[in-house]
């Protein structure tokens, strides 16, 4: 599916850096727009749903929520806390499946 506008479809994923942590930071939160390939990166100390939801909310308040947010099936993305945070944007549709990095 091809999108013609920025922020139509975005994907979110976590990169596990536990084998090479930077002090207490063990994960990289990756948020990417499908059309423009624009990426937001955030460091995380853990992949708890609260931290993921906080970062999503922060990005959405800066750039707006996408029409579709794609994530893998990880608990940190399918957790009730993330769903509640995303509920603030009623037009947002969350789809789960393996993100395809381009």
N, C-alpha and C. Protein backbone atom coordinates (compact mmCIF):
# COMPACT_ATOMS: atom_id res chain seq x y z
N UNK A 1 0.84 -1.16 0.00
CA UNK A 1 0.00 0.00 0.00
C UNK A 1 0.89 1.24 0.00
N UNK A 2 0.61 2.18 -0.88
CA UNK A 2 1.41 3.39 -1.00
C UNK A 2 0.64 4.56 -0.39
N UNK A 3 1.31 5.34 0.43
CA UNK A 3 0.70 6.49 1.07
C UNK A 3 1.29 7.75 0.46
N UNK A 4 0.45 8.77 0.30
CA UNK A 4 0.86 10.00 -0.36
C UNK A 4 1.14 11.15 0.60
N UNK A 5 0.92 10.95 1.89
CA UNK A 5 1.13 12.01 2.87
C UNK A 5 2.03 11.53 4.00
N UNK A 6 2.83 12.47 4.50
CA UNK A 6 3.60 12.16 5.70
C UNK A 6 2.63 11.89 6.84
N UNK A 7 2.98 10.99 7.69
CA UNK A 7 2.20 10.64 8.88
C UNK A 7 0.94 9.85 8.57
N UNK A 8 0.83 9.29 7.36
CA UNK A 8 -0.30 8.42 7.06
C UNK A 8 -0.10 7.07 7.73
N UNK A 9 1.09 6.54 7.59
CA UNK A 9 1.41 5.23 8.20
C UNK A 9 2.82 5.32 8.78
N UNK A 10 2.93 4.94 10.04
CA UNK A 10 4.22 4.93 10.71
C UNK A 10 4.41 3.58 11.39
N UNK A 11 5.64 3.27 11.67
CA UNK A 11 5.93 2.03 12.38
C UNK A 11 6.81 2.33 13.57
N UNK A 12 6.67 1.48 14.57
CA UNK A 12 7.45 1.63 15.79
C UNK A 12 8.03 0.26 16.14
N UNK A 13 9.26 0.29 16.63
CA UNK A 13 9.93 -0.94 17.00
C UNK A 13 10.99 -0.61 18.05
N UNK A 14 11.47 -1.63 18.72
CA UNK A 14 12.56 -1.48 19.68
C UNK A 14 13.76 -2.28 19.20
N UNK A 15 14.93 -1.67 19.30
CA UNK A 15 16.19 -2.36 19.00
C UNK A 15 16.81 -2.73 20.35
N UNK A 16 17.09 -4.00 20.51
CA UNK A 16 17.65 -4.51 21.76
C UNK A 16 19.17 -4.31 21.75
N UNK A 17 19.65 -3.46 22.64
CA UNK A 17 21.08 -3.17 22.75
C UNK A 17 21.64 -3.67 24.08
N UNK A 18 20.98 -4.65 24.69
CA UNK A 18 21.42 -5.12 26.00
C UNK A 18 22.83 -5.68 25.98
N UNK A 19 23.26 -6.19 24.83
CA UNK A 19 24.62 -6.73 24.75
C UNK A 19 25.67 -5.61 24.67
N UNK A 20 25.23 -4.38 24.32
CA UNK A 20 26.13 -3.23 24.24
C UNK A 20 25.46 -2.00 24.84
N UNK A 21 25.09 -2.04 26.11
CA UNK A 21 24.37 -0.90 26.69
C UNK A 21 25.23 0.35 26.77
N UNK A 22 24.58 1.49 26.73
CA UNK A 22 25.23 2.78 26.93
C UNK A 22 24.80 3.25 28.32
N UNK A 23 25.64 2.99 29.28
CA UNK A 23 25.29 3.20 30.69
C UNK A 23 24.03 2.39 31.01
N UNK A 24 22.95 3.05 31.39
CA UNK A 24 21.72 2.34 31.73
C UNK A 24 20.80 2.13 30.53
N UNK A 25 21.11 2.71 29.39
CA UNK A 25 20.24 2.62 28.23
C UNK A 25 20.48 1.32 27.49
N UNK A 26 19.41 0.51 27.36
CA UNK A 26 19.54 -0.82 26.80
C UNK A 26 18.71 -1.04 25.54
N UNK A 27 17.85 -0.08 25.20
CA UNK A 27 16.98 -0.23 24.03
C UNK A 27 16.94 1.08 23.26
N UNK A 28 16.72 0.97 21.96
CA UNK A 28 16.50 2.14 21.11
C UNK A 28 15.08 2.05 20.58
N UNK A 29 14.29 3.07 20.87
CA UNK A 29 12.92 3.19 20.40
C UNK A 29 13.01 3.82 19.00
N UNK A 30 12.49 3.13 17.99
CA UNK A 30 12.57 3.60 16.60
C UNK A 30 11.15 3.86 16.09
N UNK A 31 10.91 5.09 15.64
CA UNK A 31 9.61 5.48 15.09
C UNK A 31 9.88 6.02 13.69
N UNK A 32 9.28 5.42 12.66
CA UNK A 32 9.58 5.80 11.28
C UNK A 32 8.32 6.03 10.47
N UNK A 33 8.32 7.11 9.70
CA UNK A 33 7.25 7.40 8.75
C UNK A 33 7.50 6.57 7.48
N UNK A 34 6.48 5.86 7.01
CA UNK A 34 6.65 4.99 5.84
C UNK A 34 6.97 5.78 4.56
N UNK A 35 6.30 6.91 4.34
CA UNK A 35 6.48 7.65 3.09
C UNK A 35 7.85 8.33 3.02
N UNK A 36 8.18 9.11 4.04
CA UNK A 36 9.39 9.93 3.98
C UNK A 36 10.62 9.22 4.53
N UNK A 37 10.40 8.15 5.26
CA UNK A 37 11.48 7.42 5.96
C UNK A 37 12.07 8.24 7.10
N UNK A 38 11.41 9.34 7.48
CA UNK A 38 11.84 10.17 8.60
C UNK A 38 11.80 9.33 9.87
N UNK A 39 12.87 9.38 10.66
CA UNK A 39 13.00 8.53 11.84
C UNK A 39 13.18 9.37 13.09
N UNK A 40 12.52 8.96 14.14
CA UNK A 40 12.73 9.50 15.48
C UNK A 40 13.34 8.37 16.31
N UNK A 41 14.42 8.65 17.00
CA UNK A 41 15.06 7.66 17.86
C UNK A 41 15.05 8.15 19.29
N UNK A 42 14.80 7.24 20.21
CA UNK A 42 14.83 7.57 21.63
C UNK A 42 15.54 6.43 22.36
N UNK A 43 16.31 6.76 23.36
CA UNK A 43 16.95 5.71 24.16
C UNK A 43 16.04 5.35 25.33
N UNK A 44 16.03 4.08 25.67
CA UNK A 44 15.21 3.59 26.78
C UNK A 44 16.05 2.73 27.72
N UNK A 45 15.77 2.84 28.99
CA UNK A 45 16.43 1.98 29.96
C UNK A 45 15.74 0.62 30.05
N UNK A 46 14.45 0.59 29.75
CA UNK A 46 13.69 -0.66 29.75
C UNK A 46 12.65 -0.58 28.65
N UNK A 47 12.03 -1.70 28.35
CA UNK A 47 10.99 -1.69 27.32
C UNK A 47 9.61 -1.86 27.94
N UNK A 48 9.47 -1.36 29.15
CA UNK A 48 8.16 -1.40 29.82
C UNK A 48 7.15 -0.59 29.03
N UNK A 49 5.92 -1.05 29.06
CA UNK A 49 4.85 -0.40 28.29
C UNK A 49 4.70 1.07 28.65
N UNK A 50 4.91 1.42 29.92
CA UNK A 50 4.78 2.82 30.34
C UNK A 50 5.77 3.71 29.60
N UNK A 51 6.99 3.22 29.43
CA UNK A 51 8.03 4.00 28.73
C UNK A 51 7.70 4.12 27.25
N UNK A 52 7.23 3.03 26.66
CA UNK A 52 6.85 3.05 25.24
C UNK A 52 5.70 4.03 25.03
N UNK A 53 4.69 3.96 25.88
CA UNK A 53 3.53 4.85 25.77
C UNK A 53 3.94 6.31 25.93
N UNK A 54 4.83 6.59 26.85
CA UNK A 54 5.31 7.96 27.07
C UNK A 54 6.00 8.50 25.83
N UNK A 55 6.84 7.68 25.19
CA UNK A 55 7.54 8.12 23.98
C UNK A 55 6.58 8.29 22.81
N UNK A 56 5.61 7.40 22.67
CA UNK A 56 4.61 7.56 21.61
C UNK A 56 3.82 8.86 21.81
N UNK A 57 3.38 9.09 23.04
CA UNK A 57 2.63 10.31 23.33
C UNK A 57 3.45 11.55 23.02
N UNK A 58 4.71 11.54 23.38
CA UNK A 58 5.60 12.66 23.10
C UNK A 58 5.71 12.92 21.59
N UNK A 59 5.92 11.88 20.81
CA UNK A 59 6.03 12.03 19.35
C UNK A 59 4.71 12.50 18.76
N UNK A 60 3.60 11.94 19.23
CA UNK A 60 2.29 12.33 18.70
C UNK A 60 1.97 13.79 19.01
N UNK A 61 2.40 14.30 20.16
CA UNK A 61 2.12 15.70 20.48
C UNK A 61 2.98 16.65 19.66
N UNK A 62 4.11 16.18 19.19
CA UNK A 62 4.97 17.02 18.34
C UNK A 62 4.54 16.96 16.88
N UNK A 63 4.33 15.74 16.35
CA UNK A 63 4.07 15.55 14.92
C UNK A 63 2.63 15.20 14.59
N UNK A 64 1.83 14.90 15.59
CA UNK A 64 0.49 14.39 15.37
C UNK A 64 0.54 12.88 15.24
N UNK A 65 -0.58 12.25 15.51
CA UNK A 65 -0.65 10.79 15.42
C UNK A 65 -0.84 10.39 13.96
N UNK A 66 -0.25 9.28 13.55
CA UNK A 66 -0.47 8.81 12.19
C UNK A 66 -1.87 8.22 12.05
N UNK A 67 -2.29 8.00 10.82
CA UNK A 67 -3.56 7.30 10.59
C UNK A 67 -3.43 5.85 11.01
N UNK A 68 -2.28 5.24 10.69
CA UNK A 68 -2.01 3.85 11.01
C UNK A 68 -0.65 3.76 11.70
N UNK A 69 -0.62 3.08 12.82
CA UNK A 69 0.62 2.81 13.54
C UNK A 69 0.85 1.31 13.53
N UNK A 70 1.97 0.90 12.97
CA UNK A 70 2.29 -0.52 12.88
C UNK A 70 3.38 -0.86 13.88
N UNK A 71 3.18 -1.97 14.58
CA UNK A 71 4.20 -2.46 15.51
C UNK A 71 4.24 -3.97 15.44
N UNK A 72 5.28 -4.53 16.05
CA UNK A 72 5.33 -5.99 16.12
C UNK A 72 4.37 -6.46 17.21
N UNK A 73 4.40 -7.71 17.52
CA UNK A 73 3.48 -8.27 18.51
C UNK A 73 4.03 -8.25 19.93
N UNK A 74 5.07 -7.46 20.16
CA UNK A 74 5.67 -7.39 21.49
C UNK A 74 4.70 -6.87 22.53
N UNK A 75 4.82 -7.39 23.75
CA UNK A 75 3.91 -6.98 24.83
C UNK A 75 3.99 -5.48 25.10
N UNK A 76 5.15 -4.89 24.87
CA UNK A 76 5.29 -3.45 25.14
C UNK A 76 4.44 -2.61 24.19
N UNK A 77 4.02 -3.19 23.04
CA UNK A 77 3.19 -2.45 22.09
C UNK A 77 1.72 -2.85 22.16
N UNK A 78 1.42 -4.02 22.67
CA UNK A 78 0.02 -4.47 22.72
C UNK A 78 -0.56 -4.33 24.13
N UNK A 79 0.18 -3.72 25.01
CA UNK A 79 -0.22 -3.55 26.39
C UNK A 79 -1.37 -2.55 26.52
N UNK A 80 -2.20 -2.73 27.52
CA UNK A 80 -3.34 -1.85 27.79
C UNK A 80 -2.90 -0.39 27.95
N UNK A 81 -1.75 -0.14 28.56
CA UNK A 81 -1.28 1.22 28.79
C UNK A 81 -1.02 1.93 27.46
N UNK A 82 -0.41 1.24 26.51
CA UNK A 82 -0.17 1.82 25.18
C UNK A 82 -1.50 2.08 24.49
N UNK A 83 -2.42 1.13 24.59
CA UNK A 83 -3.74 1.31 23.97
C UNK A 83 -4.47 2.50 24.57
N UNK A 84 -4.37 2.69 25.89
CA UNK A 84 -5.00 3.83 26.53
C UNK A 84 -4.37 5.14 26.08
N UNK A 85 -3.05 5.17 25.96
CA UNK A 85 -2.38 6.38 25.48
C UNK A 85 -2.82 6.71 24.06
N UNK A 86 -2.92 5.69 23.22
CA UNK A 86 -3.32 5.90 21.83
C UNK A 86 -4.80 6.26 21.71
N UNK A 87 -5.60 5.94 22.72
CA UNK A 87 -7.03 6.26 22.69
C UNK A 87 -7.27 7.77 22.66
N UNK A 88 -6.28 8.56 23.02
CA UNK A 88 -6.41 10.02 22.95
C UNK A 88 -6.50 10.50 21.51
N UNK A 89 -6.14 9.64 20.56
CA UNK A 89 -6.21 9.96 19.14
C UNK A 89 -7.18 8.96 18.50
N UNK A 90 -8.49 9.27 18.49
CA UNK A 90 -9.50 8.30 18.05
C UNK A 90 -9.38 7.86 16.59
N UNK A 91 -8.74 8.63 15.74
CA UNK A 91 -8.60 8.24 14.33
C UNK A 91 -7.41 7.32 14.09
N UNK A 92 -6.62 7.07 15.11
CA UNK A 92 -5.44 6.22 15.00
C UNK A 92 -5.84 4.75 14.98
N UNK A 93 -5.35 4.03 14.00
CA UNK A 93 -5.57 2.58 13.94
C UNK A 93 -4.23 1.91 14.20
N UNK A 94 -4.23 0.96 15.14
CA UNK A 94 -3.01 0.23 15.48
C UNK A 94 -3.08 -1.14 14.83
N UNK A 95 -2.05 -1.49 14.08
CA UNK A 95 -1.97 -2.82 13.47
C UNK A 95 -0.70 -3.50 13.98
N UNK A 96 -0.81 -4.79 14.22
CA UNK A 96 0.33 -5.55 14.72
C UNK A 96 0.80 -6.52 13.65
N UNK A 97 2.07 -6.70 13.59
CA UNK A 97 2.71 -7.60 12.64
C UNK A 97 4.16 -7.19 12.56
N UNK A 98 4.97 -7.99 11.98
CA UNK A 98 6.40 -7.70 11.91
C UNK A 98 6.66 -6.45 11.07
N UNK A 99 7.25 -5.40 11.66
CA UNK A 99 7.59 -4.20 10.89
C UNK A 99 8.59 -4.53 9.78
N UNK A 100 8.39 -3.91 8.65
CA UNK A 100 9.28 -4.10 7.51
C UNK A 100 10.16 -2.87 7.42
N UNK A 101 11.43 -3.01 7.71
CA UNK A 101 12.36 -1.87 7.66
C UNK A 101 12.82 -1.67 6.24
N UNK A 102 12.67 -0.43 5.75
CA UNK A 102 13.09 -0.11 4.38
C UNK A 102 14.30 0.78 4.39
